[in-house]
Protein backbone atom coordinates (compact mmCIF):
# COMPACT_ATOMS: atom_id res chain seq x y z
CA UNK A 1 38.21 1.99 -84.01
CA UNK A 2 37.54 1.79 -87.71
CA UNK A 3 35.90 -1.20 -89.30
CA UNK A 4 38.25 -2.97 -91.69
CA UNK A 5 37.49 -5.43 -94.46
CA UNK A 6 39.05 -8.85 -94.01
CA UNK A 7 39.39 -11.93 -96.15
CA UNK A 8 38.89 -15.04 -94.08
CA UNK A 9 39.84 -18.51 -95.29
CA UNK A 10 38.42 -21.26 -93.13
CA UNK A 11 39.34 -24.92 -93.51
CA UNK A 12 36.32 -26.88 -92.36
CA UNK A 13 36.24 -30.54 -91.42
CA UNK A 14 35.27 -32.19 -94.73
CA UNK A 15 33.27 -35.11 -93.29
CA UNK A 16 31.02 -32.91 -91.18
CA UNK A 17 30.71 -30.39 -94.00
CA UNK A 18 29.67 -33.18 -96.40
CA UNK A 19 26.89 -34.32 -94.05
CA UNK A 20 25.46 -30.87 -93.28
CA UNK A 21 27.00 -28.05 -95.35
CA UNK A 22 24.49 -25.34 -94.38
CA UNK A 23 24.90 -25.85 -90.65
CA UNK A 24 28.69 -26.03 -90.72
CA UNK A 25 29.20 -23.06 -93.03
CA UNK A 26 26.44 -21.11 -91.26
CA UNK A 27 28.56 -20.97 -88.12
CA UNK A 28 31.01 -18.57 -89.77
CA UNK A 29 28.60 -15.72 -90.55
CA UNK A 30 26.93 -16.24 -87.17
CA UNK A 31 30.26 -15.76 -85.34
CA UNK A 32 31.11 -12.65 -87.36
CA UNK A 33 27.67 -11.06 -86.98
CA UNK A 34 27.64 -11.82 -83.24
CA UNK A 35 30.78 -9.66 -82.94
CA UNK A 36 29.09 -6.81 -84.82
CA UNK A 37 30.57 -7.58 -88.23
CA UNK A 38 28.99 -7.54 -91.66
CA UNK A 39 29.32 -10.35 -94.21
CA UNK A 40 30.12 -9.13 -97.73
CA UNK A 41 30.55 -12.54 -99.43
CA UNK A 42 30.67 -16.05 -98.01
CA UNK A 43 31.07 -19.14 -100.21
CA UNK A 44 32.68 -22.52 -100.67
CA UNK A 45 36.02 -22.15 -102.41
CA UNK A 46 36.83 -25.85 -102.87
CA UNK A 47 37.15 -29.22 -101.19
CA UNK A 48 40.57 -30.83 -101.41
CA UNK A 49 43.12 -33.07 -99.79
CA UNK A 50 45.34 -31.25 -97.29
CA UNK A 51 49.10 -31.13 -97.90
CA UNK A 52 49.63 -32.60 -94.43
CA UNK A 53 47.24 -33.82 -91.73
CA UNK A 54 45.85 -31.11 -89.46
CA UNK A 55 44.20 -32.28 -86.24
CA UNK A 56 44.02 -35.76 -87.76
CA UNK A 57 42.17 -34.52 -90.86
CA UNK A 58 43.47 -35.34 -94.33
CA UNK A 59 40.76 -33.54 -96.32
CA UNK A 60 39.20 -30.11 -95.89
CA UNK A 61 36.52 -27.84 -97.25
CA UNK A 62 37.91 -24.36 -97.87
CA UNK A 63 35.38 -21.61 -97.11
CA UNK A 64 36.12 -18.07 -98.33
CA UNK A 65 34.54 -15.09 -96.60
CA UNK A 66 34.93 -11.34 -97.02
CA UNK A 67 33.63 -9.39 -94.04
CA UNK A 68 33.78 -6.01 -92.33
CA UNK A 69 34.70 -6.01 -88.65
CA UNK A 70 36.17 -3.69 -86.03
CA UNK A 71 39.90 -4.30 -85.70
CA UNK A 72 39.69 -5.08 -81.98
CA UNK A 73 37.10 -7.81 -82.56
CA UNK A 74 39.41 -9.90 -84.76
CA UNK A 75 41.16 -11.44 -81.74
CA UNK A 76 37.76 -12.58 -80.40
CA UNK A 77 36.91 -14.11 -83.78
CA UNK A 78 40.22 -16.00 -83.84
CA UNK A 79 39.53 -17.31 -80.35
CA UNK A 80 36.06 -18.52 -81.32
CA UNK A 81 37.46 -20.26 -84.41
CA UNK A 82 40.10 -22.06 -82.34
CA UNK A 83 37.50 -23.58 -80.02
CA UNK A 84 35.02 -24.51 -82.79
CA UNK A 85 35.15 -28.23 -83.51
CA UNK A 86 34.21 -27.90 -87.18
CA UNK A 87 36.92 -25.37 -88.07
CA UNK A 88 40.32 -26.98 -88.60
CA UNK A 89 42.38 -23.90 -89.51
CA UNK A 90 41.85 -20.19 -90.29
CA UNK A 91 43.67 -17.38 -92.01
CA UNK A 92 42.65 -13.72 -91.89
CA UNK A 93 44.03 -11.03 -94.18
CA UNK A 94 43.26 -7.32 -93.97
CA UNK A 95 42.20 -6.15 -97.42
CA UNK A 96 43.55 -2.92 -98.83
CA UNK A 97 40.62 -0.47 -99.15
CA UNK A 98 41.61 0.28 -102.75
CA UNK A 99 40.79 -3.27 -103.90
CA UNK A 100 37.86 -4.23 -101.64
CA UNK A 101 35.20 -3.70 -104.29
CA UNK A 102 37.20 -5.67 -106.86
CA UNK A 103 37.77 -8.67 -104.61
CA UNK A 104 34.16 -8.77 -103.41
CA UNK A 105 32.85 -8.52 -106.99
CA UNK A 106 35.15 -11.32 -108.09
CA UNK A 107 34.09 -13.56 -105.20
CA UNK A 108 30.41 -12.89 -105.90
CA UNK A 109 30.78 -13.68 -109.59
CA UNK A 110 32.65 -16.91 -108.83
CA UNK A 111 29.98 -18.00 -106.35
CA UNK A 112 27.19 -17.59 -108.93
CA UNK A 113 29.04 -19.57 -111.61
CA UNK A 114 28.34 -23.30 -111.87
CA UNK A 115 30.30 -25.46 -109.41
CA UNK A 116 31.78 -22.34 -107.75
CA UNK A 117 34.10 -21.65 -110.69
CA UNK A 118 34.33 -18.39 -112.57
CA UNK A 119 33.31 -18.61 -116.19
CA UNK A 120 36.55 -17.25 -117.56
CA UNK A 121 35.41 -13.64 -117.96
CA UNK A 122 37.53 -11.23 -115.92
CA UNK A 123 35.58 -9.10 -113.48
CA UNK A 124 35.98 -5.45 -114.35
CA UNK A 125 36.24 -2.57 -111.95
CA UNK A 126 36.48 0.99 -113.16
CA UNK A 127 37.06 -0.34 -116.67
CA UNK A 128 40.02 -2.53 -115.64
CA UNK A 129 40.06 -6.29 -115.17
CA UNK A 130 40.75 -7.68 -111.69
CA UNK A 131 44.34 -8.56 -112.56
CA UNK A 132 45.02 -4.95 -113.53
CA UNK A 133 43.41 -3.61 -110.36
CA UNK A 134 45.50 -5.94 -108.19
CA UNK A 135 48.64 -4.94 -110.12
CA UNK A 136 47.83 -1.26 -109.52
CA UNK A 137 47.50 -1.94 -105.79
CA UNK A 138 50.80 -3.86 -105.74
CA UNK A 139 52.54 -1.02 -107.60
CA UNK A 140 51.18 1.47 -105.06
CA UNK A 141 52.47 -0.70 -102.19
CA UNK A 142 55.95 -0.95 -103.71
CA UNK A 143 55.99 2.82 -104.28
CA UNK A 144 55.06 3.38 -100.61
CA UNK A 145 57.94 1.09 -99.57
CA UNK A 146 60.36 2.97 -101.85
CA UNK A 147 59.20 6.30 -100.43
CA UNK A 148 59.79 5.11 -96.87
CA UNK A 149 63.33 3.97 -97.79
CA UNK A 150 64.11 7.38 -99.27
CA UNK A 151 62.84 9.17 -96.14
CA UNK A 152 64.91 6.93 -93.85
CA UNK A 153 68.07 7.41 -95.95
CA UNK A 154 68.18 3.88 -97.38
CA UNK A 155 68.68 3.29 -101.10
C-alpha cells in the first residue's frame, strides 16, 4: 500500500490540555509514529467552546496534524483515538498530493507566528499564494468530475 498524507484534527479535553499541554499533545505523534507514520506538522490550532457538549465537555483544544501513513493503518489510528481518554473527537482527511506542500508550508508558517496565528502574509508555492493553489486543485477536481459525467453519458 502507498503512504498517503492526511490532515488530522483532534479535539483534546481542554482541562487536561491546560494542565499538561506537552504530555497531552505528545500522545498524537506517538500514536502515529508507533503505526509507522511520519509527522509533517503538528500544532495547536485553537482552544474554543464547543458548539454542543461532547462526552460532557463544553470546551476543547483543537490540535492540527499533517502526517504520512499507510492507508491500512488509518483504521488502527482511529481505534486508538477512540479509546484515548484525552481525545474527545477526531477527523481525518486525505490530502490531495497536488496541495500537500502548500498545506504543510501554511501550517508551519502559522505555527511559528505569535499565538499560533499567521501574520497576514500568504504562503506562496510555485509563485502562487495558498488560495490560488487550493483554487487550482478545486478546479482540477471539478474537471475530473465533469470528465467522468461525459464518459458515463450524463450531461
